[in-house]
Amino acid sequence: MGLLSPDHIADSLGALEGWSLDGKAITKSFTFQDFPGAVLFVSALVPGAEDAAHHPDIEIHYRRVTLRYTTHDEGGLTQKDLDGAAMANAVAASLPHLEEFGDG
């Protein structure tokens, strides 16, 4: 898998609601009603991340979860990262505890 071009990244981020470029990674914060909702979201990410053999860096701050995707062994963004971000958006949209989709 190769690194994505800046143009490809910019075009792809336009289709990934709430994600932004942060150096050599893409990030997004999700805010939930409570801590159990945040943990439920993180738990729901596990099957897709395991299936793809690609995992985000995750921070949990009470009810806010921040995901960061980058392909460490490639030194930047690959299609795996965009696919992971799309999967995370789909998981978040399927959960009942989502308070605000995107930064919050």
PDB file of N, CA and C in Angstrom:
ATOM      1  N   MET A   1       0.866  -1.172   0.000  1.00  0.00           N
ATOM      2  CA  MET A   1       0.000   0.000   0.000  1.00  0.00           C
ATOM      3  C   MET A   1       0.905   1.224   0.000  1.00  0.00           C
ATOM      4  N   GLY A   2       0.608   2.227  -0.776  1.00  0.00           N
ATOM      5  CA  GLY A   2       1.441   3.417  -0.821  1.00  0.00           C
ATOM      6  C   GLY A   2       0.811   4.610  -0.133  1.00  0.00           C
ATOM      7  N   LEU A   3       1.649   5.604   0.097  1.00  0.00           N
ATOM      8  CA  LEU A   3       1.155   6.855   0.671  1.00  0.00           C
ATOM      9  C   LEU A   3       0.243   7.557  -0.322  1.00  0.00           C
ATOM     10  N   LEU A   4      -0.756   8.246   0.199  1.00  0.00           N
ATOM     11  CA  LEU A   4      -1.701   8.982  -0.634  1.00  0.00           C
ATOM     12  C   LEU A   4      -1.141  10.357  -0.978  1.00  0.00           C
ATOM     13  N   SER A   5      -1.495  10.848  -2.139  1.00  0.00           N
ATOM     14  CA  SER A   5      -1.066  12.185  -2.549  1.00  0.00           C
ATOM     15  C   SER A   5      -1.873  13.233  -1.779  1.00  0.00           C
ATOM     16  N   PRO A   6      -1.316  14.429  -1.628  1.00  0.00           N
ATOM     17  CA  PRO A   6      -2.076  15.491  -0.950  1.00  0.00           C
ATOM     18  C   PRO A   6      -3.430  15.759  -1.609  1.00  0.00           C
ATOM     19  N   ASP A   7      -3.506  15.699  -2.935  1.00  0.00           N
ATOM     20  CA  ASP A   7      -4.777  15.925  -3.623  1.00  0.00           C
ATOM     21  C   ASP A   7      -5.784  14.826  -3.294  1.00  0.00           C
ATOM     22  N   HIS A   8      -5.323  13.575  -3.264  1.00  0.00           N
ATOM     23  CA  HIS A   8      -6.221  12.460  -2.935  1.00  0.00           C
ATOM     24  C   HIS A   8      -6.738  12.602  -1.502  1.00  0.00           C
ATOM     25  N   ILE A   9      -5.850  12.985  -0.598  1.00  0.00           N
ATOM     26  CA  ILE A   9      -6.257  13.170   0.800  1.00  0.00           C
ATOM     27  C   ILE A   9      -7.303  14.268   0.905  1.00  0.00           C
ATOM     28  N   ALA A  10      -7.057  15.405   0.260  1.00  0.00           N
ATOM     29  CA  ALA A  10      -8.002  16.529   0.317  1.00  0.00           C
ATOM     30  C   ALA A  10      -9.357  16.131  -0.252  1.00  0.00           C
ATOM     31  N   ASP A  11      -9.362  15.454  -1.388  1.00  0.00           N
ATOM     32  CA  ASP A  11     -10.621  15.018  -1.996  1.00  0.00           C
ATOM     33  C   ASP A  11     -11.364  14.040  -1.078  1.00  0.00           C
ATOM     34  N   SER A  12     -10.624  13.122  -0.489  1.00  0.00           N
ATOM     35  CA  SER A  12     -11.238  12.109   0.365  1.00  0.00           C
ATOM     36  C   SER A  12     -11.794  12.702   1.652  1.00  0.00           C
ATOM     37  N   LEU A  13     -11.099  13.669   2.224  1.00  0.00           N
ATOM     38  CA  LEU A  13     -11.590  14.290   3.456  1.00  0.00           C
ATOM     39  C   LEU A  13     -12.907  15.019   3.231  1.00  0.00           C
ATOM     40  N   GLY A  14     -13.132  15.484   2.022  1.00  0.00           N
ATOM     41  CA  GLY A  14     -14.405  16.126   1.702  1.00  0.00           C
ATOM     42  C   GLY A  14     -15.584  15.176   1.843  1.00  0.00           C
ATOM     43  N   ALA A  15     -15.324  13.874   1.697  1.00  0.00           N
ATOM     44  CA  ALA A  15     -16.382  12.867   1.800  1.00  0.00           C
ATOM     45  C   ALA A  15     -16.454  12.230   3.184  1.00  0.00           C
ATOM     46  N   LEU A  16     -15.515  12.585   4.067  1.00  0.00           N
ATOM     47  CA  LEU A  16     -15.496  12.009   5.417  1.00  0.00           C
ATOM     48  C   LEU A  16     -15.890  13.083   6.419  1.00  0.00           C
ATOM     49  N   GLU A  17     -17.161  13.117   6.743  1.00  0.00           N
ATOM     50  CA  GLU A  17     -17.700  14.163   7.615  1.00  0.00           C
ATOM     51  C   GLU A  17     -16.955  14.249   8.948  1.00  0.00           C
ATOM     52  N   GLY A  18     -16.442  15.441   9.222  1.00  0.00           N
ATOM     53  CA  GLY A  18     -15.843  15.719  10.515  1.00  0.00           C
ATOM     54  C   GLY A  18     -14.373  15.403  10.659  1.00  0.00           C
ATOM     55  N   TRP A  19     -13.766  14.766   9.689  1.00  0.00           N
ATOM     56  CA  TRP A  19     -12.356  14.405   9.771  1.00  0.00           C
ATOM     57  C   TRP A  19     -11.492  15.539   9.251  1.00  0.00           C
ATOM     58  N   SER A  20     -10.320  15.696   9.874  1.00  0.00           N
ATOM     59  CA  SER A  20      -9.398  16.740   9.427  1.00  0.00           C
ATOM     60  C   SER A  20      -7.970  16.204   9.411  1.00  0.00           C
ATOM     61  N   LEU A  21      -7.166  16.837   8.600  1.00  0.00           N
ATOM     62  CA  LEU A  21      -5.763  16.473   8.479  1.00  0.00           C
ATOM     63  C   LEU A  21      -4.994  17.094   9.632  1.00  0.00           C
ATOM     64  N   ASP A  22      -4.152  16.295  10.256  1.00  0.00           N
ATOM     65  CA  ASP A  22      -3.310  16.751  11.367  1.00  0.00           C
ATOM     66  C   ASP A  22      -1.915  16.175  11.129  1.00  0.00           C
ATOM     67  N   GLY A  23      -1.094  16.911  10.402  1.00  0.00           N
ATOM     68  CA  GLY A  23       0.232  16.412  10.045  1.00  0.00           C
ATOM     69  C   GLY A  23       0.118  15.233   9.100  1.00  0.00           C
ATOM     70  N   LYS A  24       0.621  14.084   9.529  1.00  0.00           N
ATOM     71  CA  LYS A  24       0.586  12.867   8.715  1.00  0.00           C
ATOM     72  C   LYS A  24      -0.524  11.927   9.160  1.00  0.00           C
ATOM     73  N   ALA A  25      -1.577  12.497   9.752  1.00  0.00           N
ATOM     74  CA  ALA A  25      -2.692  11.697  10.256  1.00  0.00           C
ATOM     75  C   ALA A  25      -4.007  12.434   9.989  1.00  0.00           C
ATOM     76  N   ILE A  26      -5.103  11.699  10.155  1.00  0.00           N
ATOM     77  CA  ILE A  26      -6.429  12.314  10.142  1.00  0.00           C
ATOM     78  C   ILE A  26      -7.046  12.068  11.515  1.00  0.00           C
ATOM     79  N   THR A  27      -7.815  13.059  11.981  1.00  0.00           N
ATOM     80  CA  THR A  27      -8.391  12.973  13.322  1.00  0.00           C
ATOM     81  C   THR A  27      -9.845  13.422  13.320  1.00  0.00           C
ATOM     82  N   LYS A  28     -10.535  12.912  14.325  1.00  0.00           N
ATOM     83  CA  LYS A  28     -11.914  13.342  14.561  1.00  0.00           C
ATOM     84  C   LYS A  28     -12.271  13.042  16.009  1.00  0.00           C
ATOM     85  N   SER A  29     -13.044  13.933  16.608  1.00  0.00           N
ATOM     86  CA  SER A  29     -13.574  13.710  17.957  1.00  0.00           C
ATOM     87  C   SER A  29     -15.065  13.449  17.878  1.00  0.00           C
ATOM     88  N   PHE A  30     -15.503  12.494  18.666  1.00  0.00           N
ATOM     89  CA  PHE A  30     -16.908  12.125  18.779  1.00  0.00           C
ATOM     90  C   PHE A  30     -17.314  12.370  20.224  1.00  0.00           C
ATOM     91  N   THR A  31     -18.445  13.019  20.443  1.00  0.00           N
ATOM     92  CA  THR A  31     -18.911  13.278  21.801  1.00  0.00           C
ATOM     93  C   THR A  31     -20.214  12.513  22.037  1.00  0.00           C
ATOM     94  N   PHE A  32     -20.255  11.809  23.160  1.00  0.00           N
ATOM     95  CA  PHE A  32     -21.393  10.973  23.509  1.00  0.00           C
ATOM     96  C   PHE A  32     -22.094  11.526  24.747  1.00  0.00           C
ATOM     97  N   GLN A  33     -23.245  10.978  25.056  1.00  0.00           N
ATOM     98  CA  GLN A  33     -24.023  11.461  26.195  1.00  0.00           C
ATOM     99  C   GLN A  33     -23.317  11.210  27.521  1.00  0.00           C
ATOM    100  N   ASP A  34     -22.539  10.126  27.576  1.00  0.00           N
ATOM    101  CA  ASP A  34     -21.917   9.757  28.842  1.00  0.00           C
ATOM    102  C   ASP A  34     -20.717   8.848  28.582  1.00  0.00           C
ATOM    103  N   PHE A  35     -20.014   8.503  29.652  1.00  0.00           N
ATOM    104  CA  PHE A  35     -18.839   7.643  29.554  1.00  0.00           C
ATOM    105  C   PHE A  35     -19.179   6.259  29.000  1.00  0.00           C
ATOM    106  N   PRO A  36     -20.268   5.609  29.459  1.00  0.00           N
ATOM    107  CA  PRO A  36     -20.603   4.307  28.873  1.00  0.00           C
ATOM    108  C   PRO A  36     -20.821   4.377  27.356  1.00  0.00           C
ATOM    109  N   GLY A  37     -21.398   5.457  26.864  1.00  0.00           N
ATOM    110  CA  GLY A  37     -21.575   5.612  25.427  1.00  0.00           C
ATOM    111  C   GLY A  37     -20.250   5.712  24.693  1.00  0.00           C
ATOM    112  N   ALA A  38     -19.301   6.409  25.290  1.00  0.00           N
ATOM    113  CA  ALA A  38     -17.965   6.539  24.691  1.00  0.00           C
ATOM    114  C   ALA A  38     -17.272   5.184  24.630  1.00  0.00           C
ATOM    115  N   VAL A  39     -17.373   4.438  25.727  1.00  0.00           N
ATOM    116  CA  VAL A  39     -16.736   3.116  25.768  1.00  0.00           C
ATOM    117  C   VAL A  39     -17.432   2.146  24.818  1.00  0.00           C
ATOM    118  N   LEU A  40     -18.739   2.233  24.715  1.00  0.00           N
ATOM    119  CA  LEU A  40     -19.487   1.405  23.764  1.00  0.00           C
ATOM    120  C   LEU A  40     -18.984   1.645  22.347  1.00  0.00           C
ATOM    121  N   PHE A  41     -18.779   2.905  21.984  1.00  0.00           N
ATOM    122  CA  PHE A  41     -18.264   3.251  20.658  1.00  0.00           C
ATOM    123  C   PHE A  41     -16.898   2.606  20.422  1.00  0.00           C
ATOM    124  N   VAL A  42     -15.995   2.758  21.372  1.00  0.00           N
ATOM    125  CA  VAL A  42     -14.657   2.183  21.218  1.00  0.00           C
ATOM    126  C   VAL A  42     -14.755   0.664  21.075  1.00  0.00           C
ATOM    127  N   SER A  43     -15.580   0.036  21.883  1.00  0.00           N
ATOM    128  CA  SER A  43     -15.756  -1.420  21.784  1.00  0.00           C
ATOM    129  C   SER A  43     -16.319  -1.828  20.427  1.00  0.00           C
ATOM    130  N   ALA A  44     -17.223  -1.017  19.898  1.00  0.00           N
ATOM    131  CA  ALA A  44     -17.838  -1.328  18.604  1.00  0.00           C
ATOM    132  C   ALA A  44     -16.857  -1.168  17.445  1.00  0.00           C
ATOM    133  N   LEU A  45     -15.768  -0.430  17.649  1.00  0.00           N
ATOM    134  CA  LEU A  45     -14.745  -0.280  16.614  1.00  0.00           C
ATOM    135  C   LEU A  45     -13.866  -1.522  16.470  1.00  0.00           C
ATOM    136  N   VAL A  46     -13.790  -2.320  17.510  1.00  0.00           N
ATOM    137  CA  VAL A  46     -12.837  -3.432  17.549  1.00  0.00           C
ATOM    138  C   VAL A  46     -12.997  -4.419  16.389  1.00  0.00           C
ATOM    139  N   PRO A  47     -14.191  -4.939  16.101  1.00  0.00           N
ATOM    140  CA  PRO A  47     -14.282  -5.933  15.022  1.00  0.00           C
ATOM    141  C   PRO A  47     -13.772  -5.418  13.672  1.00  0.00           C
ATOM    142  N   GLY A  48     -14.160  -4.212  13.297  1.00  0.00           N
ATOM    143  CA  GLY A  48     -13.718  -3.664  12.015  1.00  0.00           C
ATOM    144  C   GLY A  48     -12.223  -3.422  11.973  1.00  0.00           C
ATOM    145  N   ALA A  49     -11.676  -2.919  13.077  1.00  0.00           N
ATOM    146  CA  ALA A  49     -10.227  -2.680  13.137  1.00  0.00           C
ATOM    147  C   ALA A  49      -9.461  -3.997  13.072  1.00  0.00           C
ATOM    148  N   GLU A  50      -9.944  -5.001  13.770  1.00  0.00           N
ATOM    149  CA  GLU A  50      -9.286  -6.305  13.733  1.00  0.00           C
ATOM    150  C   GLU A  50      -9.376  -6.929  12.344  1.00  0.00           C
ATOM    151  N   ASP A  51     -10.554  -6.846  11.720  1.00  0.00           N
ATOM    152  CA  ASP A  51     -10.720  -7.401  10.372  1.00  0.00           C
ATOM    153  C   ASP A  51      -9.764  -6.745   9.379  1.00  0.00           C
ATOM    154  N   ALA A  52      -9.554  -5.440   9.523  1.00  0.00           N
ATOM    155  CA  ALA A  52      -8.683  -4.700   8.609  1.00  0.00           C
ATOM    156  C   ALA A  52      -7.213  -4.777   9.017  1.00  0.00           C
ATOM    157  N   ALA A  53      -6.954  -5.292  10.209  1.00  0.00           N
ATOM    158  CA  ALA A  53      -5.591  -5.311  10.761  1.00  0.00           C
ATOM    159  C   ALA A  53      -4.993  -3.897  10.750  1.00  0.00           C
ATOM    160  N   HIS A  54      -5.856  -2.930  11.096  1.00  0.00           N
ATOM    161  CA  HIS A  54      -5.433  -1.530  11.138  1.00  0.00           C
ATOM    162  C   HIS A  54      -6.229  -0.840  12.238  1.00  0.00           C
ATOM    163  N   HIS A  55      -5.528  -0.204  13.162  1.00  0.00           N
ATOM    164  CA  HIS A  55      -6.155   0.303  14.369  1.00  0.00           C
ATOM    165  C   HIS A  55      -5.865   1.785  14.561  1.00  0.00           C
ATOM    166  N   PRO A  56      -6.844   2.535  15.021  1.00  0.00           N
ATOM    167  CA  PRO A  56      -6.606   3.955  15.287  1.00  0.00           C
ATOM    168  C   PRO A  56      -5.921   4.148  16.633  1.00  0.00           C
ATOM    169  N   ASP A  57      -5.281   5.292  16.790  1.00  0.00           N
ATOM    170  CA  ASP A  57      -4.873   5.741  18.116  1.00  0.00           C
ATOM    171  C   ASP A  57      -6.135   6.328  18.735  1.00  0.00           C
ATOM    172  N   ILE A  58      -6.405   5.991  19.984  1.00  0.00           N
ATOM    173  CA  ILE A  58      -7.665   6.352  20.625  1.00  0.00           C
ATOM    174  C   ILE A  58      -7.397   7.066  21.942  1.00  0.00           C
ATOM    175  N   GLU A  59      -8.088   8.176  22.138  1.00  0.00           N
ATOM    176  CA  GLU A  59      -8.090   8.876  23.422  1.00  0.00           C
ATOM    177  C   GLU A  59      -9.525   8.959  23.900  1.00  0.00           C
ATOM    178  N   ILE A  60      -9.731   8.613  25.162  1.00  0.00           N
ATOM    179  CA  ILE A  60     -11.054   8.743  25.768  1.00  0.00           C
ATOM    180  C   ILE A  60     -10.941   9.746  26.901  1.00  0.00           C
ATOM    181  N   HIS A  61     -11.735  10.787  26.816  1.00  0.00           N
ATOM    182  CA  HIS A  61     -11.814  11.801  27.864  1.00  0.00           C
ATOM    183  C   HIS A  61     -13.273  11.896  28.284  1.00  0.00           C
ATOM    184  N   TYR A  62     -13.617  11.127  29.287  1.00  0.00           N
ATOM    185  CA  TYR A  62     -14.963  11.021  29.813  1.00  0.00           C
ATOM    186  C   TYR A  62     -15.945  10.629  28.711  1.00  0.00           C
ATOM    187  N   ARG A  63     -16.613  11.572  28.076  1.00  0.00           N
ATOM    188  CA  ARG A  63     -17.614  11.222  27.064  1.00  0.00           C
ATOM    189  C   ARG A  63     -17.156  11.564  25.651  1.00  0.00           C
ATOM    190  N   ARG A  64     -15.926  12.013  25.517  1.00  0.00           N
ATOM    191  CA  ARG A  64     -15.381  12.372  24.214  1.00  0.00           C
ATOM    192  C   ARG A  64     -14.307  11.368  23.815  1.00  0.00           C
ATOM    193  N   VAL A  65     -14.420  10.885  22.576  1.00  0.00           N
ATOM    194  CA  VAL A  65     -13.445   9.951  22.021  1.00  0.00           C
ATOM    195  C   VAL A  65     -12.810  10.619  20.801  1.00  0.00           C
ATOM    196  N   THR A  66     -11.493  10.675  20.810  1.00  0.00           N
ATOM    197  CA  THR A  66     -10.763  11.214  19.672  1.00  0.00           C
ATOM    198  C   THR A  66     -10.003  10.076  19.007  1.00  0.00           C
ATOM    199  N   LEU A  67     -10.230   9.933  17.700  1.00  0.00           N
ATOM    200  CA  LEU A  67      -9.540   8.915  16.913  1.00  0.00           C
ATOM    201  C   LEU A  67      -8.502   9.591  16.029  1.00  0.00           C
ATOM    202  N   ARG A  68      -7.410   8.908  15.840  1.00  0.00           N
ATOM    203  CA  ARG A  68      -6.329   9.387  14.975  1.00  0.00           C
ATOM    204  C   ARG A  68      -5.877   8.204  14.138  1.00  0.00           C
ATOM    205  N   TYR A  69      -5.972   8.356  12.828  1.00  0.00           N
ATOM    206  CA  TYR A  69      -5.525   7.311  11.913  1.00  0.00           C
ATOM    207  C   TYR A  69      -4.296   7.772  11.144  1.00  0.00           C
ATOM    208  N   THR A  70      -3.296   6.921  11.093  1.00  0.00           N
ATOM    209  CA  THR A  70      -2.121   7.066  10.250  1.00  0.00           C
ATOM    210  C   THR A  70      -1.547   5.663  10.082  1.00  0.00           C
ATOM    211  N   THR A  71      -0.846   5.436   9.006  1.00  0.00           N
ATOM    212  CA  THR A  71      -0.217   4.136   8.798  1.00  0.00           C
ATOM    213  C   THR A  71       1.246   4.279   9.203  1.00  0.00           C
ATOM    214  N   HIS A  72       1.541   3.893  10.428  1.00  0.00           N
ATOM    215  CA  HIS A  72       2.857   4.111  11.017  1.00  0.00           C
ATOM    216  C   HIS A  72       3.982   3.503  10.184  1.00  0.00           C
ATOM    217  N   ASP A  73       3.793   2.277   9.691  1.00  0.00           N
ATOM    218  CA  ASP A  73       4.879   1.630   8.953  1.00  0.00           C
ATOM    219  C   ASP A  73       5.095   2.217   7.560  1.00  0.00           C
ATOM    220  N   GLU A  74       4.168   3.047   7.090  1.00  0.00           N
ATOM    221  CA  GLU A  74       4.335   3.749   5.808  1.00  0.00           C
ATOM    222  C   GLU A  74       4.775   5.199   6.020  1.00  0.00           C
ATOM    223  N   GLY A  75       4.645   5.693   7.249  1.00  0.00           N
ATOM    224  CA  GLY A  75       5.046   7.064   7.551  1.00  0.00           C
ATOM    225  C   GLY A  75       4.060   8.129   7.111  1.00  0.00           C
ATOM    226  N   GLY A  76       2.783   7.772   7.012  1.00  0.00           N
ATOM    227  CA  GLY A  76       1.775   8.749   6.623  1.00  0.00           C
ATOM    228  C   GLY A  76       0.448   8.094   6.315  1.00  0.00           C
ATOM    229  N   LEU A  77      -0.333   8.754   5.486  1.00  0.00           N
ATOM    230  CA  LEU A  77      -1.700   8.301   5.204  1.00  0.00           C
ATOM    231  C   LEU A  77      -1.757   7.355   4.016  1.00  0.00           C
ATOM    232  N   THR A  78      -2.505   6.266   4.214  1.00  0.00           N
ATOM    233  CA  THR A  78      -2.781   5.311   3.151  1.00  0.00           C
ATOM    234  C   THR A  78      -4.291   5.097   3.077  1.00  0.00           C
ATOM    235  N   GLN A  79      -4.708   4.301   2.121  1.00  0.00           N
ATOM    236  CA  GLN A  79      -6.133   4.007   1.974  1.00  0.00           C
ATOM    237  C   GLN A  79      -6.692   3.340   3.225  1.00  0.00           C
ATOM    238  N   LYS A  80      -5.850   2.609   3.946  1.00  0.00           N
ATOM    239  CA  LYS A  80      -6.297   1.973   5.197  1.00  0.00           C
ATOM    240  C   LYS A  80      -6.860   3.008   6.171  1.00  0.00           C
ATOM    241  N   ASP A  81      -6.236   4.185   6.206  1.00  0.00           N
ATOM    242  CA  ASP A  81      -6.665   5.227   7.142  1.00  0.00           C
ATOM    243  C   ASP A  81      -8.022   5.797   6.746  1.00  0.00           C
ATOM    244  N   LEU A  82      -8.204   6.036   5.466  1.00  0.00           N
ATOM    245  CA  LEU A  82      -9.491   6.550   4.986  1.00  0.00           C
ATOM    246  C   LEU A  82     -10.591   5.523   5.213  1.00  0.00           C
ATOM    247  N   ASP A  83     -10.277   4.260   4.971  1.00  0.00           N
ATOM    248  CA  ASP A  83     -11.257   3.190   5.205  1.00  0.00           C
ATOM    249  C   ASP A  83     -11.607   3.093   6.691  1.00  0.00           C
ATOM    250  N   GLY A  84     -10.613   3.232   7.553  1.00  0.00           N
ATOM    251  CA  GLY A  84     -10.857   3.197   8.989  1.00  0.00           C
ATOM    252  C   GLY A  84     -11.738   4.349   9.440  1.00  0.00           C
ATOM    253  N   ALA A  85     -11.487   5.539   8.895  1.00  0.00           N
ATOM    254  CA  ALA A  85     -12.296   6.708   9.244  1.00  0.00           C
ATOM    255  C   ALA A  85     -13.745   6.519   8.800  1.00  0.00           C
ATOM    256  N   ALA A  86     -13.942   5.991   7.601  1.00  0.00           N
ATOM    257  CA  ALA A  86     -15.302   5.740   7.111  1.00  0.00           C
ATOM    258  C   ALA A  86     -16.007   4.710   7.991  1.00  0.00           C
ATOM    259  N   MET A  87     -15.281   3.679   8.407  1.00  0.00           N
ATOM    260  CA  MET A  87     -15.852   2.662   9.290  1.00  0.00           C
ATOM    261  C   MET A  87     -16.236   3.276  10.634  1.00  0.00           C
ATOM    262  N   ALA A  88     -15.374   4.131  11.177  1.00  0.00           N
ATOM    263  CA  ALA A  88     -15.666   4.770  12.465  1.00  0.00           C
ATOM    264  C   ALA A  88     -16.914   5.647  12.369  1.00  0.00           C
ATOM    265  N   ASN A  89     -17.053   6.391  11.270  1.00  0.00           N
ATOM    266  CA  ASN A  89     -18.259   7.206  11.083  1.00  0.00           C
ATOM    267  C   ASN A  89     -19.502   6.328  11.045  1.00  0.00           C
ATOM    268  N   ALA A  90     -19.417   5.203  10.345  1.00  0.00           N
ATOM    269  CA  ALA A  90     -20.575   4.305  10.248  1.00  0.00           C
ATOM    270  C   ALA A  90     -20.915   3.712  11.615  1.00  0.00           C
ATOM    271  N   VAL A  91     -19.916   3.328  12.371  1.00  0.00           N
ATOM    272  CA  VAL A  91     -20.152   2.774  13.709  1.00  0.00           C
ATOM    273  C   VAL A  91     -20.806   3.830  14.592  1.00  0.00           C
ATOM    274  N   ALA A  92     -20.274   5.038  14.583  1.00  0.00           N
ATOM    275  CA  ALA A  92     -20.832   6.107  15.416  1.00  0.00           C
ATOM    276  C   ALA A  92     -22.287   6.384  15.053  1.00  0.00           C
ATOM    277  N   ALA A  93     -22.589   6.392  13.771  1.00  0.00           N
ATOM    278  CA  ALA A  93     -23.951   6.684  13.328  1.00  0.00           C
ATOM    279  C   ALA A  93     -24.937   5.595  13.747  1.00  0.00           C
ATOM    280  N   SER A  94     -24.428   4.401  14.021  1.00  0.00           N
ATOM    281  CA  SER A  94     -25.314   3.291  14.390  1.00  0.00           C
ATOM    282  C   SER A  94     -25.581   3.199  15.887  1.00  0.00           C
ATOM    283  N   LEU A  95     -24.909   4.030  16.674  1.00  0.00           N
ATOM    284  CA  LEU A  95     -25.034   3.923  18.127  1.00  0.00           C
ATOM    285  C   LEU A  95     -26.081   4.870  18.694  1.00  0.00           C
ATOM    286  N   PRO A  96     -26.833   4.409  19.690  1.00  0.00           N
ATOM    287  CA  PRO A  96     -27.871   5.246  20.272  1.00  0.00           C
ATOM    288  C   PRO A  96     -27.339   6.345  21.177  1.00  0.00           C
ATOM    289  N   HIS A  97     -26.097   6.243  21.645  1.00  0.00           N
ATOM    290  CA  HIS A  97     -25.572   7.186  22.615  1.00  0.00           C
ATOM    291  C   HIS A  97     -24.851   8.369  21.975  1.00  0.00           C
ATOM    292  N   LEU A  98     -24.851   8.466  20.674  1.00  0.00           N
ATOM    293  CA  LEU A  98     -24.146   9.552  20.029  1.00  0.00           C
ATOM    294  C   LEU A  98     -24.898  10.868  20.262  1.00  0.00           C
ATOM    295  N   GLU A  99     -24.232  11.823  20.894  1.00  0.00           N
ATOM    296  CA  GLU A  99     -24.857  13.114  21.173  1.00  0.00           C
ATOM    297  C   GLU A  99     -24.630  14.085  20.031  1.00  0.00           C
ATOM    298  N   GLU A 100     -23.417  14.097  19.542  1.00  0.00           N
ATOM    299  CA  GLU A 100     -23.069  15.084  18.515  1.00  0.00           C
ATOM    300  C   GLU A 100     -22.117  14.406  17.558  1.00  0.00           C
ATOM    301  N   PHE A 101     -22.455  14.392  16.276  1.00  0.00           N
ATOM    302  CA  PHE A 101     -21.630  13.747  15.269  1.00  0.00           C
ATOM    303  C   PHE A 101     -20.568  14.737  14.836  1.00  0.00           C
ATOM    304  N   GLY A 102     -19.332  14.487  15.224  1.00  0.00           N
ATOM    305  CA  GLY A 102     -18.232  15.393  14.871  1.00  0.00           C
ATOM    306  C   GLY A 102     -17.650  16.013  16.109  1.00  0.00           C
ATOM    307  N   ASP A 103     -17.003  17.137  15.941  1.00  0.00           N
ATOM    308  CA  ASP A 103     -16.363  17.814  17.069  1.00  0.00           C
ATOM    309  C   ASP A 103     -17.411  18.267  18.056  1.00  0.00           C
ATOM    310  N   GLY A 104     -17.100  18.113  19.312  1.00  0.00           N
ATOM    311  CA  GLY A 104     -18.065  18.537  20.301  1.00  0.00           C
ATOM    312  C   GLY A 104     -17.437  18.885  21.602  1.00  0.00           C
TER     313      GLY A 104
END
